[in-house]
């Protein structure tokens, strides 16, 4: 997975103003380097931004673990923040502190804030170490404590909600007898259905089966309900879903579990793989 954005965005904000303290010349050089990183980010130059980090051995610590390295972080930025200026936001910095540890090393403490035009913000504190290598200062260690949730967590929650909405829309479509609407939740034509230890009919064959065997009346189709829906994001365009289902109808109710692989195609979530473990249950007296 890409490096934690809170870890990585913090450092340019450590671009600390010049300070009158011991080792002022080196503090000024470190500040200028970090300020250059912030400027690079704000103009969309992610390679320029990343030039302030030790390559390839930068150490990122955030959320209790070490994050991916230099190249993975660069690719993450290019993918998720590249393009329009509104995607990358604007970095600022404050509450700075730089202390020289030796002529070749310094400690950084600062506040970072990342703001977008739509009002979203991310901010917090970081501590880190910079080292002089080949005549220039680079960040070798960055440890972040952010105040706000990781924007990726917000993104994941939005995607999970969208996936659950697909399942609820299918449920409603089935219960009004709209089998085409129900089947719209499955990838067409390449959805894979697995049940009873076998591969089942394809998309069109499944639709034909529903219309033929369930479409005669409200009693034959029954009432479908999904419950205990659990979604785990696997990638920006893939997720795992597990849920219980129940089909109540006179004489032949069913209960079972669905395991589904969800894929995002053309901006819409669909079921690419549907694996059902079902059993019939006696009708209620």
C-alpha atoms as a PDB file:
ATOM      1  CA  UNK A   1       0.000   0.000   0.000  1.00  0.00           C
ATOM      2  CA  UNK A   2       1.158   3.583  -0.538  1.00  0.00           C
ATOM      3  CA  UNK A   3       2.800   5.433   2.291  1.00  0.00           C
ATOM      4  CA  UNK A   4       0.583   7.080   4.865  1.00  0.00           C
ATOM      5  CA  UNK A   5      -0.245  10.536   3.536  1.00  0.00           C
ATOM      6  CA  UNK A   6      -0.213  12.115   6.974  1.00  0.00           C
ATOM      7  CA  UNK A   7       3.360  10.994   7.410  1.00  0.00           C
ATOM      8  CA  UNK A   8       4.442  12.313   4.065  1.00  0.00           C
ATOM      9  CA  UNK A   9       2.599  15.598   3.895  1.00  0.00           C
ATOM     10  CA  UNK A  10       3.876  16.725   7.241  1.00  0.00           C
ATOM     11  CA  UNK A  11       7.449  17.273   6.253  1.00  0.00           C
ATOM     12  CA  UNK A  12       7.145  20.084   3.761  1.00  0.00           C
ATOM     13  CA  UNK A  13       5.214  21.933   6.383  1.00  0.00           C
ATOM     14  CA  UNK A  14       8.264  21.652   8.525  1.00  0.00           C
ATOM     15  CA  UNK A  15       9.737  24.159   6.111  1.00  0.00           C
ATOM     16  CA  UNK A  16      10.616  26.304   9.022  1.00  0.00           C
ATOM     17  CA  UNK A  17      11.276  30.075   8.895  1.00  0.00           C
ATOM     18  CA  UNK A  18      14.775  31.329   9.585  1.00  0.00           C
ATOM     19  CA  UNK A  19      15.482  31.361  13.296  1.00  0.00           C
ATOM     20  CA  UNK A  20      18.080  33.200  15.328  1.00  0.00           C
ATOM     21  CA  UNK A  21      19.655  30.446  17.362  1.00  0.00           C
ATOM     22  CA  UNK A  22      22.895  28.427  17.584  1.00  0.00           C
ATOM     23  CA  UNK A  23      23.930  26.972  14.257  1.00  0.00           C
ATOM     24  CA  UNK A  24      21.924  29.631  12.449  1.00  0.00           C
ATOM     25  CA  UNK A  25      23.561  29.059   9.063  1.00  0.00           C
ATOM     26  CA  UNK A  26      22.707  25.363   9.053  1.00  0.00           C
ATOM     27  CA  UNK A  27      19.230  26.037  10.390  1.00  0.00           C
ATOM     28  CA  UNK A  28      18.749  28.504   7.549  1.00  0.00           C
ATOM     29  CA  UNK A  29      19.907  25.887   5.017  1.00  0.00           C
ATOM     30  CA  UNK A  30      17.570  23.256   6.444  1.00  0.00           C
ATOM     31  CA  UNK A  31      14.716  25.739   6.467  1.00  0.00           C
ATOM     32  CA  UNK A  32      15.358  26.688   2.853  1.00  0.00           C
ATOM     33  CA  UNK A  33      15.406  23.030   1.818  1.00  0.00           C
ATOM     34  CA  UNK A  34      12.114  22.323   3.536  1.00  0.00           C
ATOM     35  CA  UNK A  35      10.527  25.513   2.274  1.00  0.00           C
ATOM     36  CA  UNK A  36      11.498  24.418  -1.231  1.00  0.00           C
ATOM     37  CA  UNK A  37       9.703  21.123  -0.651  1.00  0.00           C
ATOM     38  CA  UNK A  38       6.525  22.975   0.343  1.00  0.00           C
ATOM     39  CA  UNK A  39       6.729  25.201  -2.713  1.00  0.00           C
ATOM     40  CA  UNK A  40       7.252  22.182  -4.949  1.00  0.00           C
ATOM     41  CA  UNK A  41       4.166  20.479  -3.516  1.00  0.00           C
ATOM     42  CA  UNK A  42       2.034  23.569  -3.975  1.00  0.00           C
ATOM     43  CA  UNK A  43       2.953  23.864  -7.648  1.00  0.00           C
ATOM     44  CA  UNK A  44       2.400  20.153  -8.255  1.00  0.00           C
ATOM     45  CA  UNK A  45       6.067  19.185  -8.586  1.00  0.00           C
ATOM     46  CA  UNK A  46       6.027  15.952  -6.599  1.00  0.00           C
ATOM     47  CA  UNK A  47       9.510  14.904  -7.656  1.00  0.00           C
ATOM     48  CA  UNK A  48      10.795  18.228  -6.398  1.00  0.00           C
ATOM     49  CA  UNK A  49       8.920  17.650  -3.171  1.00  0.00           C
ATOM     50  CA  UNK A  50      10.376  14.167  -2.768  1.00  0.00           C
ATOM     51  CA  UNK A  51      13.906  15.443  -3.389  1.00  0.00           C
ATOM     52  CA  UNK A  52      13.923  16.595   0.234  1.00  0.00           C
ATOM     53  CA  UNK A  53      13.716  12.998   1.473  1.00  0.00           C
ATOM     54  CA  UNK A  54      16.636  10.572   1.693  1.00  0.00           C
ATOM     55  CA  UNK A  55      16.410   8.254  -1.316  1.00  0.00           C
ATOM     56  CA  UNK A  56      15.880   5.317  -0.993  1.00  0.00           C
ATOM     57  CA  UNK A  57      16.281   4.945   2.778  1.00  0.00           C
ATOM     58  CA  UNK A  58      13.867   7.528   4.181  1.00  0.00           C
ATOM     59  CA  UNK A  59      12.082   6.126   7.261  1.00  0.00           C
ATOM     60  CA  UNK A  60       8.415   7.036   7.671  1.00  0.00           C
ATOM     61  CA  UNK A  61       6.704   6.208  10.956  1.00  0.00           C
ATOM     62  CA  UNK A  62       2.975   6.740  11.360  1.00  0.00           C
ATOM     63  CA  UNK A  63      -0.025   4.973  12.882  1.00  0.00           C
ATOM     64  CA  UNK A  64       2.260   2.645  14.797  1.00  0.00           C
ATOM     65  CA  UNK A  65       4.125   1.212  11.825  1.00  0.00           C
ATOM     66  CA  UNK A  66       6.766   1.947   9.247  1.00  0.00           C
ATOM     67  CA  UNK A  67       5.349   3.123   5.929  1.00  0.00           C
ATOM     68  CA  UNK A  68       6.541   2.377   2.362  1.00  0.00           C
ATOM     69  CA  UNK A  69       9.640   4.025   1.004  1.00  0.00           C
ATOM     70  CA  UNK A  70      10.667   6.762  -1.402  1.00  0.00           C
ATOM     71  CA  UNK A  71       9.546   5.407  -4.782  1.00  0.00           C
ATOM     72  CA  UNK A  72       6.214   4.064  -3.517  1.00  0.00           C
ATOM     73  CA  UNK A  73       5.490   7.433  -1.963  1.00  0.00           C
ATOM     74  CA  UNK A  74       6.271   9.311  -5.175  1.00  0.00           C
ATOM     75  CA  UNK A  75       3.992   7.030  -7.195  1.00  0.00           C
ATOM     76  CA  UNK A  76       1.252   7.466  -4.596  1.00  0.00           C
ATOM     77  CA  UNK A  77       1.431  11.247  -4.923  1.00  0.00           C
ATOM     78  CA  UNK A  78       1.437  11.169  -8.710  1.00  0.00           C
ATOM     79  CA  UNK A  79      -1.613   8.899  -8.737  1.00  0.00           C
ATOM     80  CA  UNK A  80      -3.731  10.495  -6.013  1.00  0.00           C
ATOM     81  CA  UNK A  81      -2.662  14.167  -6.036  1.00  0.00           C
ATOM     82  CA  UNK A  82      -1.484  14.799  -9.589  1.00  0.00           C
ATOM     83  CA  UNK A  83      -3.428  16.838 -12.104  1.00  0.00           C
ATOM     84  CA  UNK A  84      -5.717  19.642 -11.019  1.00  0.00           C
ATOM     85  CA  UNK A  85      -4.429  21.916  -8.219  1.00  0.00           C
ATOM     86  CA  UNK A  86      -7.592  21.230  -6.235  1.00  0.00           C
ATOM     87  CA  UNK A  87      -6.547  17.613  -5.717  1.00  0.00           C
ATOM     88  CA  UNK A  88      -3.297  18.348  -3.917  1.00  0.00           C
ATOM     89  CA  UNK A  89      -4.465  21.125  -1.609  1.00  0.00           C
ATOM     90  CA  UNK A  90      -2.124  23.711  -0.123  1.00  0.00           C
ATOM     91  CA  UNK A  91       0.545  23.081   2.506  1.00  0.00           C
ATOM     92  CA  UNK A  92       1.407  25.488   5.308  1.00  0.00           C
ATOM     93  CA  UNK A  93       3.637  25.254   8.387  1.00  0.00           C
ATOM     94  CA  UNK A  94       3.962  26.838  11.839  1.00  0.00           C
ATOM     95  CA  UNK A  95       5.195  26.335  15.428  1.00  0.00           C
ATOM     96  CA  UNK A  96       8.622  25.338  14.172  1.00  0.00           C
ATOM     97  CA  UNK A  97      11.656  24.204  16.127  1.00  0.00           C
ATOM     98  CA  UNK A  98      15.041  23.160  14.678  1.00  0.00           C
ATOM     99  CA  UNK A  99      17.826  22.019  16.953  1.00  0.00           C
ATOM    100  CA  UNK A 100      21.291  21.108  15.709  1.00  0.00           C
ATOM    101  CA  UNK A 101      22.492  17.756  17.024  1.00  0.00           C
ATOM    102  CA  UNK A 102      25.853  17.956  15.271  1.00  0.00           C
ATOM    103  CA  UNK A 103      27.264  19.691  12.195  1.00  0.00           C
ATOM    104  CA  UNK A 104      25.772  16.806  10.181  1.00  0.00           C
ATOM    105  CA  UNK A 105      22.403  16.265  11.889  1.00  0.00           C
ATOM    106  CA  UNK A 106      19.422  18.202  13.237  1.00  0.00           C
ATOM    107  CA  UNK A 107      16.097  17.564  14.926  1.00  0.00           C
ATOM    108  CA  UNK A 108      12.860  19.027  13.530  1.00  0.00           C
ATOM    109  CA  UNK A 109       9.561  19.621  15.306  1.00  0.00           C
ATOM    110  CA  UNK A 110       6.735  21.465  13.571  1.00  0.00           C
ATOM    111  CA  UNK A 111       3.041  21.751  12.897  1.00  0.00           C
ATOM    112  CA  UNK A 112       1.641  20.956   9.456  1.00  0.00           C
ATOM    113  CA  UNK A 113      -1.673  21.859   7.852  1.00  0.00           C
ATOM    114  CA  UNK A 114      -3.044  20.765   4.502  1.00  0.00           C
ATOM    115  CA  UNK A 115      -6.127  22.585   3.242  1.00  0.00           C
ATOM    116  CA  UNK A 116      -8.364  22.055   0.225  1.00  0.00           C
ATOM    117  CA  UNK A 117     -10.674  24.578  -1.416  1.00  0.00           C
ATOM    118  CA  UNK A 118     -13.729  22.526  -0.440  1.00  0.00           C
ATOM    119  CA  UNK A 119     -12.952  23.040   3.253  1.00  0.00           C
ATOM    120  CA  UNK A 120     -11.269  19.711   4.014  1.00  0.00           C
ATOM    121  CA  UNK A 121      -8.197  19.902   6.239  1.00  0.00           C
ATOM    122  CA  UNK A 122      -5.526  17.634   7.601  1.00  0.00           C
ATOM    123  CA  UNK A 123      -3.077  18.711  10.262  1.00  0.00           C
ATOM    124  CA  UNK A 124      -0.984  17.835  13.274  1.00  0.00           C
ATOM    125  CA  UNK A 125       2.573  17.631  14.580  1.00  0.00           C
ATOM    126  CA  UNK A 126       5.630  15.787  13.406  1.00  0.00           C
ATOM    127  CA  UNK A 127       9.134  15.162  14.636  1.00  0.00           C
ATOM    128  CA  UNK A 128      12.017  14.123  12.442  1.00  0.00           C
ATOM    129  CA  UNK A 129      15.705  14.072  11.696  1.00  0.00           C
ATOM    130  CA  UNK A 130      17.603  15.669   8.835  1.00  0.00           C
ATOM    131  CA  UNK A 131      21.111  14.681   7.818  1.00  0.00           C
ATOM    132  CA  UNK A 132      23.699  16.294   5.574  1.00  0.00           C
ATOM    133  CA  UNK A 133      24.570  14.025   2.658  1.00  0.00           C
ATOM    134  CA  UNK A 134      26.835  14.973  -0.232  1.00  0.00           C
ATOM    135  CA  UNK A 135      26.724  18.598   0.815  1.00  0.00           C
ATOM    136  CA  UNK A 136      22.943  18.924   1.106  1.00  0.00           C
ATOM    137  CA  UNK A 137      20.365  18.388   3.825  1.00  0.00           C
ATOM    138  CA  UNK A 138      17.730  15.652   3.460  1.00  0.00           C
ATOM    139  CA  UNK A 139      15.086  14.244   5.769  1.00  0.00           C
ATOM    140  CA  UNK A 140      16.037  10.763   6.963  1.00  0.00           C
ATOM    141  CA  UNK A 141      13.335  10.180   9.599  1.00  0.00           C
ATOM    142  CA  UNK A 142       9.770  11.466   9.774  1.00  0.00           C
ATOM    143  CA  UNK A 143       7.399  10.568  12.618  1.00  0.00           C
ATOM    144  CA  UNK A 144       3.890  12.048  12.469  1.00  0.00           C
ATOM    145  CA  UNK A 145       0.990  12.450  14.848  1.00  0.00           C
ATOM    146  CA  UNK A 146      -1.984  13.823  12.954  1.00  0.00           C
ATOM    147  CA  UNK A 147      -5.012  15.417  14.593  1.00  0.00           C
ATOM    148  CA  UNK A 148      -7.524  14.639  11.863  1.00  0.00           C
ATOM    149  CA  UNK A 149      -8.487  11.287  10.327  1.00  0.00           C
ATOM    150  CA  UNK A 150      -6.522  10.050   7.366  1.00  0.00           C
ATOM    151  CA  UNK A 151      -8.378  11.256   4.234  1.00  0.00           C
ATOM    152  CA  UNK A 152      -8.037   7.711   2.890  1.00  0.00           C
ATOM    153  CA  UNK A 153     -10.168   6.531   5.815  1.00  0.00           C
ATOM    154  CA  UNK A 154     -12.844   9.004   4.786  1.00  0.00           C
ATOM    155  CA  UNK A 155     -12.536   7.812   1.201  1.00  0.00           C
ATOM    156  CA  UNK A 156     -12.891   4.176   2.296  1.00  0.00           C
ATOM    157  CA  UNK A 157     -16.012   4.943   4.301  1.00  0.00           C
ATOM    158  CA  UNK A 158     -17.577   6.657   1.304  1.00  0.00           C
ATOM    159  CA  UNK A 159     -16.782   3.677  -0.927  1.00  0.00           C
ATOM    160  CA  UNK A 160     -18.161   1.231   1.630  1.00  0.00           C
ATOM    161  CA  UNK A 161     -21.359   3.239   1.815  1.00  0.00           C
ATOM    162  CA  UNK A 162     -21.621   3.197  -1.979  1.00  0.00           C
ATOM    163  CA  UNK A 163     -21.192  -0.589  -2.013  1.00  0.00           C
ATOM    164  CA  UNK A 164     -23.853  -1.111   0.633  1.00  0.00           C
ATOM    165  CA  UNK A 165     -26.140   1.146  -1.385  1.00  0.00           C
ATOM    166  CA  UNK A 166     -25.715  -1.170  -4.395  1.00  0.00           C
ATOM    167  CA  UNK A 167     -26.813  -4.135  -2.280  1.00  0.00           C
ATOM    168  CA  UNK A 168     -29.783  -2.237  -0.832  1.00  0.00           C
ATOM    169  CA  UNK A 169     -30.833  -1.136  -4.318  1.00  0.00           C
ATOM    170  CA  UNK A 170     -30.728  -4.761  -5.477  1.00  0.00           C
ATOM    171  CA  UNK A 171     -32.816  -5.797  -2.491  1.00  0.00           C
ATOM    172  CA  UNK A 172     -35.474  -3.186  -3.253  1.00  0.00           C
ATOM    173  CA  UNK A 173     -35.513  -4.097  -6.959  1.00  0.00           C
ATOM    174  CA  UNK A 174     -36.068  -7.776  -6.202  1.00  0.00           C
ATOM    175  CA  UNK A 175     -38.894  -7.062  -3.803  1.00  0.00           C
ATOM    176  CA  UNK A 176     -40.801  -5.004  -6.388  1.00  0.00           C
ATOM    177  CA  UNK A 177     -40.319  -7.706  -9.022  1.00  0.00           C
ATOM    178  CA  UNK A 178     -37.720  -5.755 -11.051  1.00  0.00           C
ATOM    179  CA  UNK A 179     -35.260  -8.543 -11.899  1.00  0.00           C
ATOM    180  CA  UNK A 180     -33.419  -6.411 -14.454  1.00  0.00           C
ATOM    181  CA  UNK A 181     -32.836  -3.857 -11.694  1.00  0.00           C
ATOM    182  CA  UNK A 182     -31.644  -6.601  -9.370  1.00  0.00           C
ATOM    183  CA  UNK A 183     -29.202  -7.956 -11.967  1.00  0.00           C
ATOM    184  CA  UNK A 184     -27.815  -4.444 -12.548  1.00  0.00           C
ATOM    185  CA  UNK A 185     -25.783  -5.012  -9.375  1.00  0.00           C
ATOM    186  CA  UNK A 186     -23.752  -7.752 -11.095  1.00  0.00           C
ATOM    187  CA  UNK A 187     -20.967  -7.304 -13.639  1.00  0.00           C
ATOM    188  CA  UNK A 188     -22.424  -7.867 -17.122  1.00  0.00           C
ATOM    189  CA  UNK A 189     -21.615 -10.164 -18.862  1.00  0.00           C
ATOM    190  CA  UNK A 190     -18.608 -11.524 -16.963  1.00  0.00           C
ATOM    191  CA  UNK A 191     -19.946 -12.025 -13.434  1.00  0.00           C
ATOM    192  CA  UNK A 192     -19.038 -15.413 -11.943  1.00  0.00           C
ATOM    193  CA  UNK A 193     -21.660 -17.227  -9.859  1.00  0.00           C
ATOM    194  CA  UNK A 194     -20.590 -20.126  -7.622  1.00  0.00           C
ATOM    195  CA  UNK A 195     -23.124 -22.181  -5.682  1.00  0.00           C
ATOM    196  CA  UNK A 196     -23.527 -25.781  -4.520  1.00  0.00           C
ATOM    197  CA  UNK A 197     -19.938 -26.529  -5.495  1.00  0.00           C
ATOM    198  CA  UNK A 198     -20.454 -25.557  -9.139  1.00  0.00           C
ATOM    199  CA  UNK A 199     -20.232 -22.624 -11.513  1.00  0.00           C
ATOM    200  CA  UNK A 200     -23.751 -21.424 -12.233  1.00  0.00           C
ATOM    201  CA  UNK A 201     -25.351 -19.664 -15.201  1.00  0.00           C
ATOM    202  CA  UNK A 202     -23.910 -16.442 -16.588  1.00  0.00           C
ATOM    203  CA  UNK A 203     -25.512 -12.988 -16.282  1.00  0.00           C
ATOM    204  CA  UNK A 204     -28.194 -13.468 -18.938  1.00  0.00           C
ATOM    205  CA  UNK A 205     -28.900 -17.047 -17.934  1.00  0.00           C
ATOM    206  CA  UNK A 206     -29.364 -15.972 -14.330  1.00  0.00           C
ATOM    207  CA  UNK A 207     -31.763 -13.187 -15.321  1.00  0.00           C
ATOM    208  CA  UNK A 208     -33.781 -15.631 -17.439  1.00  0.00           C
ATOM    209  CA  UNK A 209     -33.840 -18.049 -14.497  1.00  0.00           C
ATOM    210  CA  UNK A 210     -35.181 -15.414 -12.109  1.00  0.00           C
ATOM    211  CA  UNK A 211     -37.888 -14.266 -14.508  1.00  0.00           C
ATOM    212  CA  UNK A 212     -38.953 -17.842 -15.243  1.00  0.00           C
ATOM    213  CA  UNK A 213     -38.842 -19.303 -11.739  1.00  0.00           C
ATOM    214  CA  UNK A 214     -39.611 -16.290  -9.523  1.00  0.00           C
ATOM    215  CA  UNK A 215     -41.509 -13.856 -11.719  1.00  0.00           C
ATOM    216  CA  UNK A 216     -45.044 -15.249 -11.686  1.00  0.00           C
ATOM    217  CA  UNK A 217     -46.206 -13.408  -8.563  1.00  0.00           C
ATOM    218  CA  UNK A 218     -45.156 -11.731  -5.345  1.00  0.00           C
ATOM    219  CA  UNK A 219     -45.526 -15.084  -3.606  1.00  0.00           C
ATOM    220  CA  UNK A 220     -43.171 -16.908  -5.970  1.00  0.00           C
ATOM    221  CA  UNK A 221     -40.427 -14.272  -5.733  1.00  0.00           C
ATOM    222  CA  UNK A 222     -40.788 -13.807  -1.968  1.00  0.00           C
ATOM    223  CA  UNK A 223     -39.215 -11.047   0.100  1.00  0.00           C
ATOM    224  CA  UNK A 224     -35.433 -10.707  -0.002  1.00  0.00           C
ATOM    225  CA  UNK A 225     -33.402  -9.204   2.831  1.00  0.00           C
ATOM    226  CA  UNK A 226     -29.622  -8.820   3.233  1.00  0.00           C
ATOM    227  CA  UNK A 227     -28.189  -8.398   6.738  1.00  0.00           C
ATOM    228  CA  UNK A 228     -24.874  -8.240   8.589  1.00  0.00           C
ATOM    229  CA  UNK A 229     -23.238  -6.643   5.560  1.00  0.00           C
ATOM    230  CA  UNK A 230     -19.483  -6.387   6.086  1.00  0.00           C
ATOM    231  CA  UNK A 231     -17.263  -4.640   3.554  1.00  0.00           C
ATOM    232  CA  UNK A 232     -13.466  -4.637   3.506  1.00  0.00           C
ATOM    233  CA  UNK A 233     -11.645  -2.444   1.000  1.00  0.00           C
ATOM    234  CA  UNK A 234      -8.916  -4.303  -0.894  1.00  0.00           C
ATOM    235  CA  UNK A 235      -7.937  -1.513  -3.307  1.00  0.00           C
ATOM    236  CA  UNK A 236      -9.487   1.714  -4.595  1.00  0.00           C
ATOM    237  CA  UNK A 237     -11.415  -0.367  -7.146  1.00  0.00           C
ATOM    238  CA  UNK A 238     -11.884  -3.658  -5.277  1.00  0.00           C
ATOM    239  CA  UNK A 239     -13.613  -4.772  -2.082  1.00  0.00           C
ATOM    240  CA  UNK A 240     -14.718  -7.918  -0.291  1.00  0.00           C
ATOM    241  CA  UNK A 241     -18.313  -8.175   0.920  1.00  0.00           C
ATOM    242  CA  UNK A 242     -19.818 -10.827   3.187  1.00  0.00           C
ATOM    243  CA  UNK A 243     -23.479 -10.802   4.201  1.00  0.00           C
ATOM    244  CA  UNK A 244     -26.341 -12.967   5.329  1.00  0.00           C
ATOM    245  CA  UNK A 245     -29.438 -13.180   3.202  1.00  0.00           C
ATOM    246  CA  UNK A 246     -32.943 -14.464   3.671  1.00  0.00           C
ATOM    247  CA  UNK A 247     -35.630 -15.115   1.088  1.00  0.00           C
ATOM    248  CA  UNK A 248     -39.024 -15.476   2.703  1.00  0.00           C
ATOM    249  CA  UNK A 249     -41.700 -17.052   0.518  1.00  0.00           C
ATOM    250  CA  UNK A 250     -44.511 -19.548   1.127  1.00  0.00           C
ATOM    251  CA  UNK A 251     -43.332 -23.135   1.092  1.00  0.00           C
ATOM    252  CA  UNK A 252     -39.719 -22.577   0.120  1.00  0.00           C
ATOM    253  CA  UNK A 253     -37.862 -19.981   2.241  1.00  0.00           C
ATOM    254  CA  UNK A 254     -34.068 -19.816   2.023  1.00  0.00           C
ATOM    255  CA  UNK A 255     -31.284 -18.495   4.211  1.00  0.00           C
ATOM    256  CA  UNK A 256     -27.608 -18.310   3.482  1.00  0.00           C
ATOM    257  CA  UNK A 257     -24.376 -16.358   3.191  1.00  0.00           C
ATOM    258  CA  UNK A 258     -23.034 -14.388   0.231  1.00  0.00           C
ATOM    259  CA  UNK A 259     -19.323 -13.826  -0.275  1.00  0.00           C
ATOM    260  CA  UNK A 260     -18.786 -11.236  -2.989  1.00  0.00           C
ATOM    261  CA  UNK A 261     -15.888  -9.617  -4.793  1.00  0.00           C
ATOM    262  CA  UNK A 262     -16.893  -6.062  -5.666  1.00  0.00           C
ATOM    263  CA  UNK A 263     -15.176  -4.139  -8.463  1.00  0.00           C
ATOM    264  CA  UNK A 264     -15.519  -0.486  -9.404  1.00  0.00           C
ATOM    265  CA  UNK A 265     -16.060  -0.118 -13.129  1.00  0.00           C
ATOM    266  CA  UNK A 266     -16.817   3.162 -14.841  1.00  0.00           C
ATOM    267  CA  UNK A 267     -17.367   4.774 -11.449  1.00  0.00           C
ATOM    268  CA  UNK A 268     -19.952   2.171 -10.380  1.00  0.00           C
ATOM    269  CA  UNK A 269     -19.542  -0.747  -7.976  1.00  0.00           C
ATOM    270  CA  UNK A 270     -20.675  -4.146  -9.296  1.00  0.00           C
ATOM    271  CA  UNK A 271     -20.422  -7.736  -8.089  1.00  0.00           C
ATOM    272  CA  UNK A 272     -17.742  -9.542 -10.103  1.00  0.00           C
ATOM    273  CA  UNK A 273     -17.790 -12.791  -8.115  1.00  0.00           C
ATOM    274  CA  UNK A 274     -20.776 -14.083  -6.147  1.00  0.00           C
ATOM    275  CA  UNK A 275     -20.297 -17.184  -3.990  1.00  0.00           C
ATOM    276  CA  UNK A 276     -23.396 -18.433  -2.188  1.00  0.00           C
ATOM    277  CA  UNK A 277     -23.714 -20.870   0.667  1.00  0.00           C
ATOM    278  CA  UNK A 278     -27.449 -21.478   1.078  1.00  0.00           C
ATOM    279  CA  UNK A 279     -29.807 -23.812   2.781  1.00  0.00           C
ATOM    280  CA  UNK A 280     -33.539 -24.169   2.682  1.00  0.00           C
ATOM    281  CA  UNK A 281     -35.428 -23.794   5.892  1.00  0.00           C
ATOM    282  CA  UNK A 282     -38.915 -24.989   6.758  1.00  0.00           C
ATOM    283  CA  UNK A 283     -41.665 -22.459   6.347  1.00  0.00           C
ATOM    284  CA  UNK A 284     -42.953 -20.860   9.531  1.00  0.00           C
ATOM    285  CA  UNK A 285     -46.149 -22.440  10.871  1.00  0.00           C
END
